[in-house]
Amino acid sequence: MTPDSTPRSQLVLRALVFLGPVVALVATGPAGHGPPWWLVVLVAVLAGAAAVAPDSPVGVGAGLVVLAWWTLSLRDGIPVSVAVAAVALTVGHLAALLASYGPRAMPLDAPTLRLWARRGALVLLTVPGAWLLARVVRGEPEQPGVWVVALAAACLAILGATAAMDVPEPKEPR
């Protein structure tokens, strides 16, 4: 490998960083609310910049533009393509995280990939349930304790994720 070459794992990660927000944006199309061309170009430029510099905040900007488009175009609609967008944004985010672990010339090692693939899969397991729950409660009057229940569920999810991380405790020096 020459000093200027990029390992295949880094190329794949950076392609996923680019594709995540773009796929999430165009996923509104099947619901009849495809984005205008200029918005696709804007998100593609932001996502491309994030792929070049995955540790920069530009990727967050691309994600925020996608979320804003979903909010404005579908309002309270909850098509199944929301799940596609959630998967695309999560995969793009995880790819950026992994690509930012080292310089462009450093290949990604298999144990790190497996660790983050498991964590990402755990996060994505919540997508179908959240989508179904949103469909069930759509149009229902808001219950007074719904925000308390949601906060409790979020806290439980954070505790579960923390427990799943399995971070070893540092050893004390002798």
N, C-alpha and C. Protein backbone atom coordinates (compact mmCIF):
# COMPACT_ATOMS: atom_id res chain seq x y z
N MET A 1 0.85 -1.17 0.00
CA MET A 1 0.00 0.00 0.00
C MET A 1 0.89 1.24 0.00
N THR A 2 0.65 2.13 -0.92
CA THR A 2 1.42 3.37 -0.98
C THR A 2 0.88 4.34 0.06
N PRO A 3 1.68 5.33 0.46
CA PRO A 3 1.23 6.28 1.50
C PRO A 3 -0.03 7.05 1.11
N ASP A 4 -0.26 7.26 -0.19
CA ASP A 4 -1.42 8.03 -0.62
C ASP A 4 -2.67 7.18 -0.82
N SER A 5 -2.56 5.86 -0.72
CA SER A 5 -3.73 5.02 -0.97
C SER A 5 -4.59 4.93 0.29
N THR A 6 -5.85 4.73 0.06
CA THR A 6 -6.82 4.63 1.15
C THR A 6 -7.30 3.19 1.20
N PRO A 7 -7.27 2.56 2.39
CA PRO A 7 -7.74 1.18 2.49
C PRO A 7 -9.22 1.06 2.11
N ARG A 8 -9.59 -0.11 1.64
CA ARG A 8 -10.97 -0.36 1.21
C ARG A 8 -11.96 -0.09 2.34
N SER A 9 -11.61 -0.44 3.58
CA SER A 9 -12.54 -0.24 4.69
C SER A 9 -12.85 1.25 4.87
N GLN A 10 -11.84 2.11 4.69
CA GLN A 10 -12.07 3.55 4.81
C GLN A 10 -12.92 4.07 3.65
N LEU A 11 -12.71 3.52 2.46
CA LEU A 11 -13.52 3.93 1.31
C LEU A 11 -14.98 3.56 1.51
N VAL A 12 -15.22 2.36 2.02
CA VAL A 12 -16.60 1.91 2.28
C VAL A 12 -17.25 2.77 3.36
N LEU A 13 -16.51 3.03 4.44
CA LEU A 13 -17.06 3.85 5.51
C LEU A 13 -17.43 5.24 5.00
N ARG A 14 -16.55 5.84 4.23
CA ARG A 14 -16.79 7.19 3.74
C ARG A 14 -17.92 7.22 2.71
N ALA A 15 -18.07 6.14 1.95
CA ALA A 15 -19.22 6.06 1.04
C ALA A 15 -20.52 5.99 1.84
N LEU A 16 -20.51 5.25 2.94
CA LEU A 16 -21.70 5.18 3.79
C LEU A 16 -22.01 6.51 4.48
N VAL A 17 -20.96 7.24 4.86
CA VAL A 17 -21.15 8.58 5.44
C VAL A 17 -21.86 9.47 4.42
N PHE A 18 -21.46 9.36 3.17
CA PHE A 18 -22.09 10.16 2.11
C PHE A 18 -23.52 9.70 1.83
N LEU A 19 -23.71 8.40 1.70
CA LEU A 19 -25.02 7.89 1.29
C LEU A 19 -26.09 8.00 2.38
N GLY A 20 -25.71 7.93 3.65
CA GLY A 20 -26.69 7.96 4.73
C GLY A 20 -27.67 9.11 4.65
N PRO A 21 -27.19 10.36 4.69
CA PRO A 21 -28.13 11.49 4.62
C PRO A 21 -28.85 11.61 3.27
N VAL A 22 -28.17 11.28 2.18
CA VAL A 22 -28.79 11.39 0.86
C VAL A 22 -29.95 10.40 0.73
N VAL A 23 -29.72 9.15 1.13
CA VAL A 23 -30.79 8.15 1.08
C VAL A 23 -31.94 8.54 2.01
N ALA A 24 -31.61 9.02 3.20
CA ALA A 24 -32.65 9.44 4.14
C ALA A 24 -33.48 10.57 3.57
N LEU A 25 -32.85 11.48 2.85
CA LEU A 25 -33.59 12.61 2.26
C LEU A 25 -34.53 12.14 1.16
N VAL A 26 -34.03 11.33 0.24
CA VAL A 26 -34.88 10.91 -0.89
C VAL A 26 -35.90 9.85 -0.48
N ALA A 27 -35.81 9.35 0.74
CA ALA A 27 -36.81 8.37 1.22
C ALA A 27 -38.20 8.98 1.38
N THR A 28 -38.31 10.31 1.31
CA THR A 28 -39.64 10.93 1.34
C THR A 28 -40.35 10.76 0.01
N GLY A 29 -39.62 10.44 -1.04
CA GLY A 29 -40.20 10.29 -2.38
C GLY A 29 -41.33 9.28 -2.45
N PRO A 30 -41.16 8.06 -1.91
CA PRO A 30 -42.25 7.08 -1.98
C PRO A 30 -43.54 7.54 -1.30
N ALA A 31 -43.44 8.48 -0.37
CA ALA A 31 -44.63 9.00 0.30
C ALA A 31 -45.25 10.15 -0.50
N GLY A 32 -44.67 10.46 -1.67
CA GLY A 32 -45.22 11.50 -2.51
C GLY A 32 -44.70 12.89 -2.22
N HIS A 33 -43.61 12.98 -1.46
CA HIS A 33 -43.06 14.28 -1.09
C HIS A 33 -41.56 14.32 -1.37
N GLY A 34 -41.18 13.99 -2.58
CA GLY A 34 -39.76 14.00 -2.92
C GLY A 34 -39.16 15.39 -2.78
N PRO A 35 -37.91 15.47 -2.37
CA PRO A 35 -37.27 16.77 -2.18
C PRO A 35 -36.95 17.44 -3.51
N PRO A 36 -36.88 18.76 -3.52
CA PRO A 36 -36.46 19.45 -4.74
C PRO A 36 -34.99 19.16 -5.03
N TRP A 37 -34.59 19.30 -6.28
CA TRP A 37 -33.23 18.96 -6.70
C TRP A 37 -32.18 19.74 -5.92
N TRP A 38 -32.44 21.02 -5.65
CA TRP A 38 -31.46 21.85 -4.97
C TRP A 38 -31.22 21.38 -3.54
N LEU A 39 -32.24 20.81 -2.91
CA LEU A 39 -32.07 20.29 -1.56
C LEU A 39 -31.23 19.01 -1.58
N VAL A 40 -31.45 18.19 -2.60
CA VAL A 40 -30.64 16.97 -2.75
C VAL A 40 -29.18 17.36 -2.96
N VAL A 41 -28.95 18.39 -3.78
CA VAL A 41 -27.58 18.85 -4.02
C VAL A 41 -26.96 19.38 -2.73
N LEU A 42 -27.72 20.17 -1.97
CA LEU A 42 -27.21 20.71 -0.70
C LEU A 42 -26.82 19.59 0.25
N VAL A 43 -27.70 18.60 0.41
CA VAL A 43 -27.41 17.49 1.32
C VAL A 43 -26.24 16.67 0.79
N ALA A 44 -26.16 16.49 -0.53
CA ALA A 44 -25.04 15.74 -1.10
C ALA A 44 -23.71 16.46 -0.86
N VAL A 45 -23.71 17.78 -0.97
CA VAL A 45 -22.48 18.56 -0.71
C VAL A 45 -22.09 18.44 0.76
N LEU A 46 -23.07 18.61 1.66
CA LEU A 46 -22.77 18.48 3.09
C LEU A 46 -22.31 17.07 3.44
N ALA A 47 -22.97 16.07 2.87
CA ALA A 47 -22.59 14.68 3.14
C ALA A 47 -21.21 14.37 2.55
N GLY A 48 -20.92 14.93 1.39
CA GLY A 48 -19.59 14.74 0.80
C GLY A 48 -18.50 15.35 1.67
N ALA A 49 -18.78 16.54 2.20
CA ALA A 49 -17.82 17.17 3.11
C ALA A 49 -17.64 16.33 4.37
N ALA A 50 -18.73 15.76 4.86
CA ALA A 50 -18.65 14.90 6.04
C ALA A 50 -17.86 13.63 5.73
N ALA A 51 -17.97 13.12 4.52
CA ALA A 51 -17.22 11.92 4.14
C ALA A 51 -15.72 12.21 4.08
N VAL A 52 -15.36 13.42 3.66
CA VAL A 52 -13.96 13.81 3.61
C VAL A 52 -13.41 14.04 5.01
N ALA A 53 -14.21 14.68 5.86
CA ALA A 53 -13.81 14.98 7.24
C ALA A 53 -14.87 14.46 8.19
N PRO A 54 -14.87 13.14 8.46
CA PRO A 54 -15.96 12.55 9.24
C PRO A 54 -16.04 13.01 10.69
N ASP A 55 -14.98 13.61 11.19
CA ASP A 55 -15.02 14.08 12.58
C ASP A 55 -15.44 15.55 12.68
N SER A 56 -15.83 16.14 11.56
CA SER A 56 -16.28 17.54 11.57
C SER A 56 -17.79 17.60 11.85
N PRO A 57 -18.29 18.76 12.25
CA PRO A 57 -19.73 18.90 12.52
C PRO A 57 -20.58 19.01 11.26
N VAL A 58 -19.99 18.94 10.08
CA VAL A 58 -20.75 19.08 8.84
C VAL A 58 -21.78 17.96 8.69
N GLY A 59 -21.45 16.76 9.16
CA GLY A 59 -22.38 15.65 9.07
C GLY A 59 -23.65 15.91 9.86
N VAL A 60 -23.51 16.58 10.99
CA VAL A 60 -24.69 16.95 11.78
C VAL A 60 -25.57 17.90 10.98
N GLY A 61 -24.94 18.83 10.26
CA GLY A 61 -25.70 19.75 9.41
C GLY A 61 -26.50 19.02 8.35
N ALA A 62 -25.89 18.02 7.72
CA ALA A 62 -26.61 17.23 6.71
C ALA A 62 -27.80 16.52 7.35
N GLY A 63 -27.59 15.94 8.52
CA GLY A 63 -28.69 15.26 9.21
C GLY A 63 -29.80 16.21 9.60
N LEU A 64 -29.45 17.41 10.04
CA LEU A 64 -30.46 18.39 10.42
C LEU A 64 -31.28 18.86 9.22
N VAL A 65 -30.64 19.02 8.08
CA VAL A 65 -31.38 19.39 6.86
C VAL A 65 -32.36 18.28 6.50
N VAL A 66 -31.92 17.03 6.61
CA VAL A 66 -32.82 15.90 6.32
C VAL A 66 -34.00 15.90 7.29
N LEU A 67 -33.73 16.06 8.57
CA LEU A 67 -34.82 16.07 9.55
C LEU A 67 -35.78 17.23 9.31
N ALA A 68 -35.24 18.39 8.94
CA ALA A 68 -36.11 19.54 8.65
C ALA A 68 -37.00 19.25 7.44
N TRP A 69 -36.44 18.61 6.41
CA TRP A 69 -37.25 18.29 5.23
C TRP A 69 -38.35 17.30 5.58
N TRP A 70 -38.02 16.28 6.35
CA TRP A 70 -39.04 15.32 6.76
C TRP A 70 -40.15 16.02 7.53
N THR A 71 -39.78 16.91 8.43
CA THR A 71 -40.76 17.62 9.24
C THR A 71 -41.66 18.50 8.38
N LEU A 72 -41.06 19.24 7.47
CA LEU A 72 -41.84 20.17 6.64
C LEU A 72 -42.66 19.46 5.57
N SER A 73 -42.12 18.41 4.98
CA SER A 73 -42.80 17.79 3.85
C SER A 73 -43.90 16.83 4.28
N LEU A 74 -43.72 16.13 5.37
CA LEU A 74 -44.71 15.12 5.76
C LEU A 74 -45.57 15.54 6.94
N ARG A 75 -45.19 16.61 7.59
CA ARG A 75 -45.91 17.10 8.77
C ARG A 75 -46.15 15.97 9.75
N ASP A 76 -47.37 15.47 9.86
CA ASP A 76 -47.64 14.40 10.84
C ASP A 76 -47.75 13.03 10.18
N GLY A 77 -47.39 12.92 8.91
CA GLY A 77 -47.44 11.63 8.24
C GLY A 77 -46.34 10.70 8.75
N ILE A 78 -46.65 9.41 8.77
CA ILE A 78 -45.67 8.43 9.27
C ILE A 78 -45.61 7.25 8.29
N PRO A 79 -45.08 7.50 7.08
CA PRO A 79 -44.96 6.38 6.13
C PRO A 79 -43.87 5.41 6.57
N VAL A 80 -43.88 4.23 5.99
CA VAL A 80 -42.88 3.22 6.34
C VAL A 80 -41.49 3.65 5.92
N SER A 81 -41.40 4.59 4.97
CA SER A 81 -40.08 5.05 4.56
C SER A 81 -39.36 5.83 5.66
N VAL A 82 -40.07 6.18 6.74
CA VAL A 82 -39.42 6.76 7.91
C VAL A 82 -38.39 5.78 8.46
N ALA A 83 -38.72 4.50 8.44
CA ALA A 83 -37.79 3.48 8.93
C ALA A 83 -36.54 3.42 8.04
N VAL A 84 -36.73 3.56 6.73
CA VAL A 84 -35.59 3.58 5.82
C VAL A 84 -34.68 4.76 6.15
N ALA A 85 -35.29 5.93 6.39
CA ALA A 85 -34.51 7.12 6.73
C ALA A 85 -33.77 6.92 8.05
N ALA A 86 -34.43 6.32 9.03
CA ALA A 86 -33.78 6.08 10.32
C ALA A 86 -32.57 5.17 10.17
N VAL A 87 -32.72 4.12 9.38
CA VAL A 87 -31.60 3.20 9.15
C VAL A 87 -30.47 3.92 8.41
N ALA A 88 -30.82 4.69 7.39
CA ALA A 88 -29.79 5.38 6.61
C ALA A 88 -29.02 6.39 7.46
N LEU A 89 -29.73 7.17 8.27
CA LEU A 89 -29.05 8.14 9.12
C LEU A 89 -28.18 7.46 10.18
N THR A 90 -28.67 6.36 10.74
CA THR A 90 -27.89 5.65 11.75
C THR A 90 -26.63 5.03 11.15
N VAL A 91 -26.78 4.41 10.00
CA VAL A 91 -25.61 3.80 9.34
C VAL A 91 -24.59 4.88 8.96
N GLY A 92 -25.07 6.00 8.43
CA GLY A 92 -24.16 7.09 8.08
C GLY A 92 -23.44 7.64 9.30
N HIS A 93 -24.17 7.77 10.40
CA HIS A 93 -23.56 8.27 11.64
C HIS A 93 -22.51 7.30 12.17
N LEU A 94 -22.84 6.02 12.21
CA LEU A 94 -21.87 5.02 12.69
C LEU A 94 -20.65 4.95 11.78
N ALA A 95 -20.86 5.06 10.47
CA ALA A 95 -19.73 5.04 9.55
C ALA A 95 -18.81 6.24 9.78
N ALA A 96 -19.40 7.41 10.05
CA ALA A 96 -18.58 8.59 10.34
C ALA A 96 -17.80 8.39 11.63
N LEU A 97 -18.45 7.81 12.62
CA LEU A 97 -17.77 7.55 13.89
C LEU A 97 -16.57 6.63 13.67
N LEU A 98 -16.77 5.55 12.93
CA LEU A 98 -15.69 4.60 12.69
C LEU A 98 -14.59 5.19 11.81
N ALA A 99 -14.97 5.97 10.80
CA ALA A 99 -13.97 6.58 9.92
C ALA A 99 -13.13 7.61 10.66
N SER A 100 -13.70 8.21 11.70
CA SER A 100 -12.96 9.25 12.43
C SER A 100 -12.04 8.67 13.50
N TYR A 101 -12.02 7.35 13.65
CA TYR A 101 -11.15 6.73 14.66
C TYR A 101 -9.67 6.86 14.36
N GLY A 102 -9.33 7.14 13.14
CA GLY A 102 -7.92 7.25 12.80
C GLY A 102 -7.75 7.98 11.49
N PRO A 103 -6.50 8.07 11.01
CA PRO A 103 -6.26 8.76 9.74
C PRO A 103 -6.83 7.95 8.57
N ARG A 104 -6.99 8.62 7.46
CA ARG A 104 -7.57 8.01 6.27
C ARG A 104 -6.79 6.75 5.83
N ALA A 105 -5.50 6.72 6.08
CA ALA A 105 -4.68 5.59 5.64
C ALA A 105 -4.78 4.38 6.56
N MET A 106 -5.48 4.52 7.69
CA MET A 106 -5.57 3.41 8.64
C MET A 106 -6.80 2.55 8.35
N PRO A 107 -6.59 1.25 8.08
CA PRO A 107 -7.75 0.39 7.85
C PRO A 107 -8.50 0.14 9.16
N LEU A 108 -9.76 -0.16 9.03
CA LEU A 108 -10.59 -0.46 10.20
C LEU A 108 -10.38 -1.92 10.58
N ASP A 109 -10.15 -2.17 11.86
CA ASP A 109 -9.95 -3.56 12.29
C ASP A 109 -11.30 -4.23 12.55
N ALA A 110 -11.33 -5.53 12.35
CA ALA A 110 -12.57 -6.31 12.45
C ALA A 110 -13.21 -6.26 13.84
N PRO A 111 -12.47 -6.35 14.94
CA PRO A 111 -13.14 -6.30 16.25
C PRO A 111 -13.88 -4.97 16.50
N THR A 112 -13.31 -3.87 16.06
CA THR A 112 -13.98 -2.57 16.23
C THR A 112 -15.24 -2.52 15.37
N LEU A 113 -15.14 -3.01 14.15
CA LEU A 113 -16.31 -3.05 13.28
C LEU A 113 -17.42 -3.90 13.88
N ARG A 114 -17.07 -5.08 14.39
CA ARG A 114 -18.09 -5.95 14.99
C ARG A 114 -18.73 -5.30 16.22
N LEU A 115 -17.92 -4.65 17.05
CA LEU A 115 -18.45 -3.98 18.24
C LEU A 115 -19.49 -2.94 17.86
N TRP A 116 -19.15 -2.07 16.92
CA TRP A 116 -20.06 -1.00 16.55
C TRP A 116 -21.22 -1.50 15.71
N ALA A 117 -21.03 -2.58 14.97
CA ALA A 117 -22.16 -3.18 14.24
C ALA A 117 -23.19 -3.72 15.22
N ARG A 118 -22.73 -4.35 16.30
CA ARG A 118 -23.67 -4.84 17.33
C ARG A 118 -24.40 -3.67 17.98
N ARG A 119 -23.69 -2.63 18.33
CA ARG A 119 -24.32 -1.47 18.95
C ARG A 119 -25.32 -0.82 18.01
N GLY A 120 -24.94 -0.68 16.76
CA GLY A 120 -25.87 -0.11 15.77
C GLY A 120 -27.10 -0.97 15.58
N ALA A 121 -26.91 -2.28 15.57
CA ALA A 121 -28.06 -3.19 15.43
C ALA A 121 -29.00 -3.06 16.62
N LEU A 122 -28.44 -2.89 17.82
CA LEU A 122 -29.30 -2.69 19.00
C LEU A 122 -30.12 -1.42 18.88
N VAL A 123 -29.51 -0.36 18.40
CA VAL A 123 -30.24 0.89 18.21
C VAL A 123 -31.33 0.70 17.15
N LEU A 124 -31.00 0.03 16.06
CA LEU A 124 -31.96 -0.13 14.97
C LEU A 124 -33.10 -1.08 15.33
N LEU A 125 -32.91 -1.90 16.35
CA LEU A 125 -34.01 -2.77 16.79
C LEU A 125 -35.20 -1.95 17.30
N THR A 126 -34.96 -0.74 17.73
CA THR A 126 -36.04 0.10 18.25
C THR A 126 -36.88 0.74 17.15
N VAL A 127 -36.37 0.78 15.92
CA VAL A 127 -37.04 1.50 14.84
C VAL A 127 -38.43 0.93 14.53
N PRO A 128 -38.57 -0.37 14.30
CA PRO A 128 -39.92 -0.87 13.98
C PRO A 128 -40.93 -0.64 15.11
N GLY A 129 -40.50 -0.83 16.34
CA GLY A 129 -41.41 -0.62 17.48
C GLY A 129 -41.82 0.84 17.61
N ALA A 130 -40.87 1.75 17.43
CA ALA A 130 -41.18 3.18 17.51
C ALA A 130 -42.13 3.58 16.38
N TRP A 131 -41.91 3.04 15.19
CA TRP A 131 -42.78 3.35 14.05
C TRP A 131 -44.19 2.83 14.31
N LEU A 132 -44.29 1.59 14.78
CA LEU A 132 -45.62 1.03 15.08
C LEU A 132 -46.34 1.80 16.18
N LEU A 133 -45.61 2.16 17.22
CA LEU A 133 -46.21 2.92 18.32
C LEU A 133 -46.70 4.28 17.83
N ALA A 134 -45.91 4.93 16.99
CA ALA A 134 -46.32 6.23 16.45
C ALA A 134 -47.57 6.09 15.59
N ARG A 135 -47.68 5.00 14.85
CA ARG A 135 -48.89 4.77 14.03
C ARG A 135 -50.11 4.52 14.91
N VAL A 136 -49.91 3.79 16.01
CA VAL A 136 -51.03 3.46 16.89
C VAL A 136 -51.57 4.70 17.60
N VAL A 137 -50.69 5.56 18.09
CA VAL A 137 -51.14 6.72 18.86
C VAL A 137 -51.43 7.94 18.00
N ARG A 138 -51.25 7.83 16.70
CA ARG A 138 -51.51 8.95 15.80
C ARG A 138 -52.98 9.34 15.87
N GLY A 139 -53.23 10.61 16.09
CA GLY A 139 -54.59 11.11 16.15
C GLY A 139 -55.24 11.00 17.52
N GLU A 140 -54.58 10.31 18.43
CA GLU A 140 -55.12 10.20 19.79
C GLU A 140 -54.83 11.48 20.56
N PRO A 141 -55.71 11.84 21.51
CA PRO A 141 -55.40 13.02 22.32
C PRO A 141 -54.17 12.73 23.20
N GLU A 142 -53.39 13.79 23.41
CA GLU A 142 -52.17 13.63 24.19
C GLU A 142 -52.54 13.36 25.65
N GLN A 143 -51.93 12.33 26.19
CA GLN A 143 -52.16 11.98 27.59
C GLN A 143 -51.24 12.81 28.48
N PRO A 144 -51.70 13.18 29.68
CA PRO A 144 -50.88 14.06 30.53
C PRO A 144 -49.51 13.48 30.90
N GLY A 145 -49.40 12.20 31.07
CA GLY A 145 -48.13 11.62 31.52
C GLY A 145 -47.26 11.08 30.42
N VAL A 146 -47.59 11.37 29.15
CA VAL A 146 -46.85 10.76 28.05
C VAL A 146 -45.38 11.20 28.05
N TRP A 147 -45.10 12.45 28.41
CA TRP A 147 -43.71 12.92 28.40
C TRP A 147 -42.92 12.31 29.53
N VAL A 148 -43.57 12.07 30.66
CA VAL A 148 -42.89 11.42 31.78
C VAL A 148 -42.54 9.98 31.40
N VAL A 149 -43.48 9.28 30.77
CA VAL A 149 -43.23 7.90 30.34
C VAL A 149 -42.13 7.87 29.28
N ALA A 150 -42.15 8.83 28.35
CA ALA A 150 -41.11 8.87 27.31
C ALA A 150 -39.74 9.14 27.92
N LEU A 151 -39.68 10.04 28.89
CA LEU A 151 -38.40 10.33 29.56
C LEU A 151 -37.90 9.10 30.31
N ALA A 152 -38.81 8.40 30.99
CA ALA A 152 -38.41 7.18 31.70
C ALA A 152 -37.90 6.12 30.72
N ALA A 153 -38.57 5.98 29.58
CA ALA A 153 -38.14 5.01 28.56
C ALA A 153 -36.76 5.39 28.01
N ALA A 154 -36.55 6.69 27.79
CA ALA A 154 -35.24 7.13 27.30
C ALA A 154 -34.14 6.84 28.32
N CYS A 155 -34.45 7.08 29.60
CA CYS A 155 -33.47 6.79 30.66
C CYS A 155 -33.15 5.30 30.72
N LEU A 156 -34.17 4.47 30.58
CA LEU A 156 -33.95 3.02 30.57
C LEU A 156 -33.11 2.61 29.36
N ALA A 157 -33.38 3.23 28.22
CA ALA A 157 -32.59 2.91 27.02
C ALA A 157 -31.13 3.30 27.21
N ILE A 158 -30.90 4.45 27.84
CA ILE A 158 -29.52 4.88 28.10
C ILE A 158 -28.83 3.92 29.05
N LEU A 159 -29.54 3.50 30.09
CA LEU A 159 -28.96 2.54 31.03
C LEU A 159 -28.65 1.22 30.34
N GLY A 160 -29.58 0.77 29.49
CA GLY A 160 -29.35 -0.48 28.76
C GLY A 160 -28.17 -0.37 27.82
N ALA A 161 -28.05 0.75 27.13
CA ALA A 161 -26.92 0.95 26.22
C ALA A 161 -25.60 1.01 26.99
N THR A 162 -25.63 1.65 28.15
CA THR A 162 -24.43 1.73 28.97
C THR A 162 -24.01 0.35 29.44
N ALA A 163 -24.98 -0.45 29.84
CA ALA A 163 -24.66 -1.81 30.29
C ALA A 163 -24.15 -2.67 29.13
N ALA A 164 -24.67 -2.42 27.93
CA ALA A 164 -24.26 -3.21 26.76
C ALA A 164 -22.86 -2.85 26.28
N MET A 165 -22.36 -1.68 26.66
CA MET A 165 -21.04 -1.26 26.20
C MET A 165 -19.92 -2.13 26.75
N ASP A 166 -20.10 -2.65 27.94
CA ASP A 166 -19.11 -3.54 28.52
C ASP A 166 -17.72 -2.91 28.54
N VAL A 167 -17.62 -1.75 29.15
CA VAL A 167 -16.34 -1.05 29.25
C VAL A 167 -15.59 -1.59 30.46
N PRO A 168 -14.38 -2.13 30.27
CA PRO A 168 -13.62 -2.66 31.41
C PRO A 168 -13.16 -1.54 32.34
N GLU A 169 -13.13 -1.83 33.61
CA GLU A 169 -12.66 -0.85 34.58
C GLU A 169 -11.13 -0.80 34.52
N PRO A 170 -10.57 0.41 34.68
CA PRO A 170 -9.11 0.52 34.63
C PRO A 170 -8.49 -0.18 35.85
N LYS A 171 -7.34 -0.77 35.60
CA LYS A 171 -6.62 -1.46 36.68
C LYS A 171 -5.81 -0.44 37.46
N GLU A 172 -5.77 -0.62 38.75
CA GLU A 172 -4.98 0.27 39.59
C GLU A 172 -3.51 -0.10 39.50
N PRO A 173 -2.64 0.90 39.45
CA PRO A 173 -1.20 0.59 39.40
C PRO A 173 -0.74 0.01 40.74
N ARG A 174 0.25 -0.85 40.66
CA ARG A 174 0.76 -1.49 41.89
C ARG A 174 1.89 -0.73 42.46
